[in-house]
Amino acid sequence: MLGAYMGEILFKDEWEYDTVYSLQLKAKTNYGTVRAIICPKRYGNWARFVNHSCDPSVDFVSRTIGKRIYMMMETRRDIKAFEEITVDYGKQYWRSKQKQCLCRSQSCKDKDKTIPQNVPHPVPAIPRDNPYRNWNLRPESEDIYGTWTEWERRWEKV
């Protein structure tokens, strides 16, 4: 077990959530019913940055600890030193995004579109509808030395 997927818990009446990193918590008894959404936009942790692979090293598994339900990251296999931690985003993610998988694993679901191993990954463009595109990640009051502001200024030029 590597850790929990953290974020705000949103329920059915709060469907305005971040579609980039949010994770659906489904009911155990009524298959397919979404109990809640874990939205890490404001209060997330490192787990929201785990990338996709068709041959993932971890799974998201719901676990009850005390009276709370957590989405935990559990390993599927041994992870080598410096190996990227990956998870399978699932068919629904790719269907709704209409994007191509770039994982390059031997078991890739987009085998007919795979990029050869010796060709570098294409640099993805940030889509205009991405909610993080113009998101102020850190308030100016916390940027005492101006380094974060400088980084954001350089990033906007890219």
N, C-alpha and C. Protein backbone atom coordinates (compact mmCIF):
# COMPACT_ATOMS: atom_id res chain seq x y z
N MET A 1 0.85 -1.16 0.00
CA MET A 1 0.00 0.00 0.00
C MET A 1 0.90 1.24 0.00
N LEU A 2 0.68 2.11 -0.98
CA LEU A 2 1.53 3.29 -1.11
C LEU A 2 0.96 4.52 -0.44
N GLY A 3 -0.35 4.63 -0.36
CA GLY A 3 -0.96 5.80 0.25
C GLY A 3 -2.37 6.02 -0.24
N ALA A 4 -2.99 7.05 0.29
CA ALA A 4 -4.38 7.36 -0.04
C ALA A 4 -4.44 8.45 -1.10
N TYR A 5 -5.49 8.40 -1.90
CA TYR A 5 -5.79 9.45 -2.88
C TYR A 5 -6.60 10.50 -2.14
N MET A 6 -6.03 11.67 -1.90
CA MET A 6 -6.66 12.68 -1.06
C MET A 6 -7.31 13.78 -1.88
N GLY A 7 -8.33 14.40 -1.30
CA GLY A 7 -9.00 15.52 -1.94
C GLY A 7 -10.32 15.82 -1.27
N GLU A 8 -11.05 16.78 -1.82
CA GLU A 8 -12.38 17.11 -1.32
C GLU A 8 -13.35 16.02 -1.73
N ILE A 9 -14.28 15.69 -0.86
CA ILE A 9 -15.32 14.72 -1.18
C ILE A 9 -16.54 15.51 -1.67
N LEU A 10 -16.95 15.24 -2.90
CA LEU A 10 -18.12 15.89 -3.48
C LEU A 10 -19.19 14.83 -3.72
N PHE A 11 -20.43 15.20 -3.46
CA PHE A 11 -21.53 14.26 -3.63
C PHE A 11 -22.35 14.61 -4.86
N LYS A 12 -23.40 13.84 -5.12
CA LYS A 12 -24.18 13.97 -6.35
C LYS A 12 -24.66 15.38 -6.64
N ASP A 13 -25.01 16.14 -5.62
CA ASP A 13 -25.52 17.49 -5.86
C ASP A 13 -24.40 18.50 -6.11
N GLU A 14 -23.15 18.06 -6.07
CA GLU A 14 -22.00 18.96 -6.27
C GLU A 14 -21.19 18.52 -7.48
N TRP A 15 -21.82 18.32 -8.61
CA TRP A 15 -21.15 17.73 -9.75
C TRP A 15 -20.16 18.65 -10.45
N GLU A 16 -20.01 19.88 -10.00
CA GLU A 16 -19.00 20.74 -10.61
C GLU A 16 -17.65 20.41 -9.98
N TYR A 17 -16.94 19.53 -10.63
CA TYR A 17 -15.66 19.07 -10.11
C TYR A 17 -14.63 19.10 -11.22
N ASP A 18 -13.40 18.90 -10.85
CA ASP A 18 -12.29 18.89 -11.79
C ASP A 18 -12.25 17.55 -12.51
N THR A 19 -12.46 17.57 -13.81
CA THR A 19 -12.50 16.31 -14.56
C THR A 19 -11.11 15.79 -14.90
N VAL A 20 -10.07 16.56 -14.66
CA VAL A 20 -8.72 16.12 -14.99
C VAL A 20 -8.20 15.11 -13.97
N TYR A 21 -8.32 15.41 -12.69
CA TYR A 21 -7.73 14.56 -11.66
C TYR A 21 -8.74 13.86 -10.76
N SER A 22 -10.02 14.13 -10.89
CA SER A 22 -11.00 13.56 -9.98
C SER A 22 -11.13 12.05 -10.12
N LEU A 23 -11.47 11.43 -9.02
CA LEU A 23 -11.61 9.98 -8.96
C LEU A 23 -13.00 9.65 -8.43
N GLN A 24 -13.70 8.74 -9.10
CA GLN A 24 -15.04 8.36 -8.67
C GLN A 24 -14.97 7.23 -7.65
N LEU A 25 -15.72 7.39 -6.58
CA LEU A 25 -15.84 6.34 -5.56
C LEU A 25 -17.19 5.67 -5.79
N LYS A 26 -17.16 4.43 -6.28
CA LYS A 26 -18.40 3.74 -6.63
C LYS A 26 -18.90 2.91 -5.46
N ALA A 27 -20.22 2.71 -5.43
CA ALA A 27 -20.85 1.92 -4.38
C ALA A 27 -20.46 0.45 -4.53
N LYS A 28 -20.25 -0.23 -3.41
CA LYS A 28 -19.88 -1.65 -3.46
C LYS A 28 -21.07 -2.53 -3.79
N THR A 29 -22.25 -2.15 -3.33
CA THR A 29 -23.42 -3.01 -3.51
C THR A 29 -24.18 -2.76 -4.80
N ASN A 30 -24.25 -1.53 -5.24
CA ASN A 30 -25.00 -1.18 -6.44
C ASN A 30 -24.00 -0.83 -7.53
N TYR A 31 -23.59 -1.83 -8.32
CA TYR A 31 -22.51 -1.67 -9.30
C TYR A 31 -22.80 -0.52 -10.26
N GLY A 32 -21.81 0.34 -10.45
CA GLY A 32 -21.93 1.45 -11.38
C GLY A 32 -22.44 2.73 -10.76
N THR A 33 -23.00 2.66 -9.56
CA THR A 33 -23.51 3.86 -8.90
C THR A 33 -22.35 4.61 -8.25
N VAL A 34 -22.24 5.89 -8.55
CA VAL A 34 -21.18 6.71 -7.98
C VAL A 34 -21.65 7.25 -6.63
N ARG A 35 -20.91 6.92 -5.57
CA ARG A 35 -21.24 7.41 -4.23
C ARG A 35 -20.75 8.83 -4.03
N ALA A 36 -19.55 9.08 -4.53
CA ALA A 36 -18.94 10.40 -4.34
C ALA A 36 -17.80 10.57 -5.33
N ILE A 37 -17.32 11.80 -5.41
CA ILE A 37 -16.17 12.14 -6.24
C ILE A 37 -15.08 12.66 -5.31
N ILE A 38 -13.86 12.20 -5.50
CA ILE A 38 -12.72 12.74 -4.76
C ILE A 38 -12.04 13.73 -5.71
N CYS A 39 -12.12 15.00 -5.36
CA CYS A 39 -11.57 16.07 -6.21
C CYS A 39 -10.34 16.67 -5.53
N PRO A 40 -9.14 16.41 -6.07
CA PRO A 40 -7.92 16.88 -5.42
C PRO A 40 -7.46 18.28 -5.82
N LYS A 41 -8.30 19.02 -6.53
CA LYS A 41 -7.88 20.32 -7.06
C LYS A 41 -7.33 21.25 -5.98
N ARG A 42 -8.00 21.35 -4.85
CA ARG A 42 -7.56 22.26 -3.78
C ARG A 42 -6.76 21.56 -2.69
N TYR A 43 -7.15 20.34 -2.34
CA TYR A 43 -6.57 19.68 -1.18
C TYR A 43 -5.96 18.32 -1.50
N GLY A 44 -5.49 18.14 -2.71
CA GLY A 44 -4.94 16.84 -3.11
C GLY A 44 -3.52 16.61 -2.62
N ASN A 45 -3.07 15.41 -2.83
CA ASN A 45 -1.69 15.05 -2.49
C ASN A 45 -0.96 14.54 -3.74
N TRP A 46 0.18 13.96 -3.57
CA TRP A 46 1.02 13.50 -4.68
C TRP A 46 0.33 12.47 -5.56
N ALA A 47 -0.62 11.74 -5.04
CA ALA A 47 -1.26 10.64 -5.78
C ALA A 47 -2.01 11.14 -7.02
N ARG A 48 -2.40 12.40 -7.06
CA ARG A 48 -3.13 12.91 -8.22
C ARG A 48 -2.25 13.01 -9.47
N PHE A 49 -0.95 12.95 -9.29
CA PHE A 49 -0.03 13.07 -10.42
C PHE A 49 0.45 11.74 -10.98
N VAL A 50 -0.13 10.64 -10.53
CA VAL A 50 0.26 9.32 -11.04
C VAL A 50 -0.22 9.19 -12.48
N ASN A 51 0.67 8.81 -13.36
CA ASN A 51 0.37 8.70 -14.79
C ASN A 51 -0.26 7.37 -15.14
N HIS A 52 -0.77 7.30 -16.37
CA HIS A 52 -1.43 6.10 -16.89
C HIS A 52 -0.43 5.15 -17.52
N SER A 53 -0.74 3.86 -17.41
CA SER A 53 -0.06 2.82 -18.18
C SER A 53 -1.06 1.68 -18.37
N CYS A 54 -1.00 1.06 -19.53
CA CYS A 54 -1.85 -0.12 -19.77
C CYS A 54 -1.30 -1.33 -19.02
N ASP A 55 -0.07 -1.23 -18.50
CA ASP A 55 0.54 -2.25 -17.65
C ASP A 55 0.91 -1.56 -16.33
N PRO A 56 -0.10 -1.22 -15.51
CA PRO A 56 0.13 -0.38 -14.33
C PRO A 56 0.87 -1.11 -13.21
N SER A 57 1.48 -0.31 -12.34
CA SER A 57 2.15 -0.87 -11.18
C SER A 57 1.27 -0.80 -9.93
N VAL A 58 0.22 0.03 -9.96
CA VAL A 58 -0.69 0.14 -8.81
C VAL A 58 -2.15 0.15 -9.27
N ASP A 59 -3.03 -0.13 -8.33
CA ASP A 59 -4.48 -0.02 -8.53
C ASP A 59 -5.05 0.90 -7.46
N PHE A 60 -6.15 1.56 -7.77
CA PHE A 60 -6.90 2.28 -6.75
C PHE A 60 -7.93 1.31 -6.18
N VAL A 61 -7.91 1.13 -4.86
CA VAL A 61 -8.79 0.18 -4.19
C VAL A 61 -9.44 0.90 -3.01
N SER A 62 -10.77 0.78 -2.88
CA SER A 62 -11.43 1.42 -1.73
C SER A 62 -11.26 0.53 -0.50
N ARG A 63 -10.88 1.14 0.60
CA ARG A 63 -10.66 0.45 1.86
C ARG A 63 -11.39 1.19 2.97
N THR A 64 -12.00 0.45 3.87
CA THR A 64 -12.66 1.03 5.03
C THR A 64 -11.68 0.96 6.19
N ILE A 65 -11.37 2.11 6.75
CA ILE A 65 -10.49 2.19 7.91
C ILE A 65 -11.27 2.92 8.99
N GLY A 66 -11.63 2.19 10.03
CA GLY A 66 -12.51 2.74 11.05
C GLY A 66 -13.88 2.99 10.45
N LYS A 67 -14.35 4.22 10.52
CA LYS A 67 -15.65 4.57 9.94
C LYS A 67 -15.51 5.34 8.63
N ARG A 68 -14.32 5.38 8.09
CA ARG A 68 -14.08 6.14 6.86
C ARG A 68 -13.68 5.22 5.71
N ILE A 69 -14.03 5.67 4.51
CA ILE A 69 -13.67 4.95 3.30
C ILE A 69 -12.57 5.74 2.60
N TYR A 70 -11.49 5.07 2.25
CA TYR A 70 -10.36 5.69 1.58
C TYR A 70 -10.14 5.02 0.23
N MET A 71 -9.66 5.79 -0.74
CA MET A 71 -9.18 5.21 -1.99
C MET A 71 -7.68 5.08 -1.83
N MET A 72 -7.22 3.85 -1.73
CA MET A 72 -5.81 3.58 -1.49
C MET A 72 -5.12 3.13 -2.77
N MET A 73 -3.85 3.43 -2.86
CA MET A 73 -3.04 2.95 -3.98
C MET A 73 -2.31 1.71 -3.50
N GLU A 74 -2.65 0.57 -4.12
CA GLU A 74 -2.02 -0.70 -3.76
C GLU A 74 -1.20 -1.21 -4.93
N THR A 75 -0.04 -1.75 -4.63
CA THR A 75 0.83 -2.25 -5.69
C THR A 75 0.28 -3.55 -6.27
N ARG A 76 0.44 -3.71 -7.57
CA ARG A 76 0.07 -4.94 -8.27
C ARG A 76 1.25 -5.88 -8.39
N ARG A 77 2.43 -5.31 -8.32
CA ARG A 77 3.67 -6.06 -8.51
C ARG A 77 4.80 -5.29 -7.83
N ASP A 78 5.96 -5.89 -7.79
CA ASP A 78 7.13 -5.18 -7.25
C ASP A 78 7.47 -4.00 -8.15
N ILE A 79 7.82 -2.88 -7.54
CA ILE A 79 8.19 -1.68 -8.29
C ILE A 79 9.69 -1.48 -8.11
N LYS A 80 10.39 -1.39 -9.22
CA LYS A 80 11.84 -1.23 -9.18
C LYS A 80 12.21 0.18 -8.71
N ALA A 81 13.44 0.34 -8.25
CA ALA A 81 13.93 1.66 -7.86
C ALA A 81 13.88 2.59 -9.06
N PHE A 82 13.35 3.78 -8.88
CA PHE A 82 13.23 4.83 -9.89
C PHE A 82 12.22 4.50 -10.99
N GLU A 83 11.46 3.42 -10.86
CA GLU A 83 10.41 3.11 -11.83
C GLU A 83 9.22 4.02 -11.56
N GLU A 84 8.61 4.51 -12.61
CA GLU A 84 7.45 5.38 -12.46
C GLU A 84 6.27 4.60 -11.90
N ILE A 85 5.56 5.20 -10.97
CA ILE A 85 4.34 4.60 -10.43
C ILE A 85 3.21 4.95 -11.39
N THR A 86 2.50 3.93 -11.87
CA THR A 86 1.44 4.15 -12.86
C THR A 86 0.17 3.40 -12.47
N VAL A 87 -0.95 3.87 -13.02
CA VAL A 87 -2.25 3.25 -12.80
C VAL A 87 -2.99 3.22 -14.13
N ASP A 88 -3.91 2.29 -14.30
CA ASP A 88 -4.74 2.25 -15.51
C ASP A 88 -5.92 3.19 -15.30
N TYR A 89 -6.02 4.23 -16.12
CA TYR A 89 -7.11 5.20 -15.98
C TYR A 89 -8.47 4.60 -16.31
N GLY A 90 -8.51 3.54 -17.06
CA GLY A 90 -9.76 2.88 -17.41
C GLY A 90 -10.32 3.32 -18.74
N LYS A 91 -11.20 2.48 -19.29
CA LYS A 91 -11.78 2.73 -20.61
C LYS A 91 -12.59 4.01 -20.66
N GLN A 92 -13.32 4.30 -19.59
CA GLN A 92 -14.18 5.48 -19.57
C GLN A 92 -13.37 6.77 -19.74
N TYR A 93 -12.20 6.82 -19.15
CA TYR A 93 -11.34 8.01 -19.27
C TYR A 93 -10.98 8.25 -20.73
N TRP A 94 -10.56 7.22 -21.44
CA TRP A 94 -10.12 7.37 -22.82
C TRP A 94 -11.28 7.62 -23.76
N ARG A 95 -12.43 7.05 -23.46
CA ARG A 95 -13.61 7.27 -24.30
C ARG A 95 -14.06 8.72 -24.20
N SER A 96 -14.13 9.23 -22.98
CA SER A 96 -14.62 10.60 -22.80
C SER A 96 -13.61 11.64 -23.28
N LYS A 97 -12.33 11.35 -23.20
CA LYS A 97 -11.30 12.31 -23.61
C LYS A 97 -10.98 12.23 -25.10
N GLN A 98 -11.29 11.10 -25.71
CA GLN A 98 -10.97 10.86 -27.12
C GLN A 98 -9.50 11.17 -27.39
N LYS A 99 -8.64 10.61 -26.56
CA LYS A 99 -7.20 10.82 -26.70
C LYS A 99 -6.50 9.49 -26.91
N GLN A 100 -5.29 9.58 -27.35
CA GLN A 100 -4.49 8.39 -27.59
C GLN A 100 -3.61 8.08 -26.38
N CYS A 101 -3.50 6.81 -26.06
CA CYS A 101 -2.62 6.38 -24.99
C CYS A 101 -1.17 6.46 -25.47
N LEU A 102 -0.30 7.01 -24.63
CA LEU A 102 1.12 7.15 -24.97
C LEU A 102 2.02 6.33 -24.04
N CYS A 103 1.48 5.29 -23.42
CA CYS A 103 2.24 4.58 -22.38
C CYS A 103 3.37 3.71 -22.91
N ARG A 104 3.27 3.24 -24.12
CA ARG A 104 4.29 2.41 -24.77
C ARG A 104 4.49 1.04 -24.15
N SER A 105 3.61 0.59 -23.28
CA SER A 105 3.79 -0.74 -22.70
C SER A 105 3.48 -1.81 -23.74
N GLN A 106 3.97 -3.01 -23.51
CA GLN A 106 3.75 -4.12 -24.44
C GLN A 106 2.27 -4.47 -24.53
N SER A 107 1.51 -4.20 -23.47
CA SER A 107 0.08 -4.52 -23.45
C SER A 107 -0.80 -3.30 -23.70
N CYS A 108 -0.28 -2.29 -24.40
CA CYS A 108 -1.01 -1.05 -24.65
C CYS A 108 -2.31 -1.31 -25.42
N LYS A 109 -3.37 -0.66 -24.99
CA LYS A 109 -4.68 -0.82 -25.63
C LYS A 109 -4.73 -0.14 -27.00
N ASP A 110 -3.83 0.81 -27.22
CA ASP A 110 -3.75 1.50 -28.52
C ASP A 110 -2.56 0.96 -29.32
N LYS A 111 -2.41 -0.35 -29.37
CA LYS A 111 -1.25 -0.96 -30.05
C LYS A 111 -1.10 -0.50 -31.49
N ASP A 112 -2.23 -0.33 -32.16
CA ASP A 112 -2.14 0.09 -33.56
C ASP A 112 -1.64 1.52 -33.71
N LYS A 113 -1.65 2.29 -32.62
CA LYS A 113 -1.21 3.68 -32.67
C LYS A 113 0.06 3.93 -31.86
N THR A 114 0.68 2.87 -31.36
CA THR A 114 1.81 3.07 -30.44
C THR A 114 2.98 3.78 -31.10
N ILE A 115 3.72 4.48 -30.26
CA ILE A 115 4.91 5.20 -30.68
C ILE A 115 6.09 4.25 -30.49
N PRO A 116 6.96 4.07 -31.47
CA PRO A 116 8.12 3.18 -31.30
C PRO A 116 8.99 3.60 -30.12
N GLN A 117 9.66 2.64 -29.51
CA GLN A 117 10.47 2.90 -28.31
C GLN A 117 11.58 3.92 -28.55
N ASN A 118 12.16 3.96 -29.75
CA ASN A 118 13.28 4.87 -30.00
C ASN A 118 12.85 6.29 -30.37
N VAL A 119 11.56 6.53 -30.48
CA VAL A 119 11.04 7.87 -30.82
C VAL A 119 10.63 8.57 -29.53
N PRO A 120 11.06 9.81 -29.31
CA PRO A 120 10.68 10.50 -28.07
C PRO A 120 9.18 10.78 -28.02
N HIS A 121 8.68 10.87 -26.79
CA HIS A 121 7.27 11.20 -26.60
C HIS A 121 6.97 12.57 -27.18
N PRO A 122 5.79 12.74 -27.79
CA PRO A 122 5.41 14.09 -28.22
C PRO A 122 5.13 14.94 -26.99
N VAL A 123 5.47 16.21 -27.06
CA VAL A 123 5.19 17.11 -25.95
C VAL A 123 3.72 17.49 -26.03
N PRO A 124 2.92 17.12 -25.01
CA PRO A 124 1.50 17.42 -25.10
C PRO A 124 1.23 18.91 -24.91
N ALA A 125 0.31 19.42 -25.69
CA ALA A 125 -0.13 20.81 -25.54
C ALA A 125 -1.20 20.84 -24.46
N ILE A 126 -1.24 21.92 -23.70
CA ILE A 126 -2.27 22.04 -22.67
C ILE A 126 -3.55 22.49 -23.35
N PRO A 127 -4.61 21.67 -23.31
CA PRO A 127 -5.86 22.05 -23.97
C PRO A 127 -6.44 23.32 -23.36
N ARG A 128 -7.11 24.09 -24.18
CA ARG A 128 -7.71 25.35 -23.71
C ARG A 128 -8.77 25.12 -22.64
N ASP A 129 -9.44 23.96 -22.67
CA ASP A 129 -10.49 23.69 -21.69
C ASP A 129 -9.95 23.08 -20.40
N ASN A 130 -8.63 22.92 -20.28
CA ASN A 130 -8.04 22.36 -19.07
C ASN A 130 -8.18 23.38 -17.94
N PRO A 131 -8.83 23.00 -16.83
CA PRO A 131 -9.06 23.96 -15.75
C PRO A 131 -7.77 24.43 -15.07
N TYR A 132 -6.67 23.72 -15.24
CA TYR A 132 -5.41 24.10 -14.62
C TYR A 132 -4.58 25.05 -15.48
N ARG A 133 -5.02 25.31 -16.68
CA ARG A 133 -4.24 26.11 -17.63
C ARG A 133 -3.86 27.47 -17.06
N ASN A 134 -4.80 28.19 -16.51
CA ASN A 134 -4.54 29.53 -15.96
C ASN A 134 -4.76 29.57 -14.46
N TRP A 135 -4.49 28.47 -13.82
CA TRP A 135 -4.74 28.37 -12.39
C TRP A 135 -3.57 28.94 -11.61
N ASN A 136 -3.83 29.91 -10.74
CA ASN A 136 -2.78 30.48 -9.90
C ASN A 136 -2.45 29.47 -8.81
N LEU A 137 -1.34 28.75 -8.98
CA LEU A 137 -1.00 27.67 -8.08
C LEU A 137 -0.55 28.14 -6.70
N ARG A 138 -0.01 29.31 -6.61
CA ARG A 138 0.51 29.77 -5.34
C ARG A 138 0.25 31.27 -5.20
N PRO A 139 -0.35 31.71 -4.10
CA PRO A 139 -0.58 33.14 -3.93
C PRO A 139 0.73 33.91 -3.84
N GLU A 140 0.72 35.16 -4.32
CA GLU A 140 1.93 35.98 -4.31
C GLU A 140 2.47 36.20 -2.91
N SER A 141 1.60 36.17 -1.90
CA SER A 141 2.05 36.37 -0.52
C SER A 141 3.01 35.27 -0.06
N GLU A 142 2.93 34.07 -0.66
CA GLU A 142 3.82 32.97 -0.29
C GLU A 142 5.11 32.99 -1.10
N ASP A 143 5.17 33.78 -2.15
CA ASP A 143 6.33 33.81 -3.04
C ASP A 143 7.27 34.94 -2.61
N ILE A 144 7.93 34.76 -1.50
CA ILE A 144 8.77 35.80 -0.90
C ILE A 144 9.93 36.19 -1.81
N TYR A 145 10.56 35.22 -2.45
CA TYR A 145 11.76 35.48 -3.25
C TYR A 145 11.48 35.68 -4.73
N GLY A 146 10.23 35.55 -5.14
CA GLY A 146 9.87 35.77 -6.53
C GLY A 146 10.20 34.62 -7.47
N THR A 147 10.63 33.49 -6.93
CA THR A 147 11.03 32.37 -7.79
C THR A 147 9.82 31.73 -8.47
N TRP A 148 8.73 31.60 -7.74
CA TRP A 148 7.54 30.98 -8.33
C TRP A 148 6.97 31.86 -9.43
N THR A 149 6.94 33.16 -9.20
CA THR A 149 6.45 34.10 -10.20
C THR A 149 7.30 34.03 -11.46
N GLU A 150 8.61 33.94 -11.28
CA GLU A 150 9.52 33.83 -12.42
C GLU A 150 9.27 32.54 -13.20
N TRP A 151 9.07 31.44 -12.49
CA TRP A 151 8.79 30.16 -13.15
C TRP A 151 7.50 30.25 -13.97
N GLU A 152 6.45 30.82 -13.38
CA GLU A 152 5.18 30.95 -14.10
C GLU A 152 5.33 31.85 -15.33
N ARG A 153 6.11 32.91 -15.22
CA ARG A 153 6.34 33.81 -16.35
C ARG A 153 7.02 33.05 -17.49
N ARG A 154 8.02 32.25 -17.17
CA ARG A 154 8.71 31.47 -18.20
C ARG A 154 7.80 30.41 -18.80
N TRP A 155 6.97 29.80 -17.97
CA TRP A 155 6.06 28.75 -18.44
C TRP A 155 5.05 29.30 -19.45
N GLU A 156 4.57 30.51 -19.22
CA GLU A 156 3.58 31.11 -20.12
C GLU A 156 4.16 31.35 -21.51
N LYS A 157 5.48 31.53 -21.62
CA LYS A 157 6.11 31.74 -22.92
C LYS A 157 6.18 30.47 -23.74
N VAL A 158 6.12 29.32 -23.08
CA VAL A 158 6.25 28.03 -23.78
C VAL A 158 5.07 27.75 -24.66
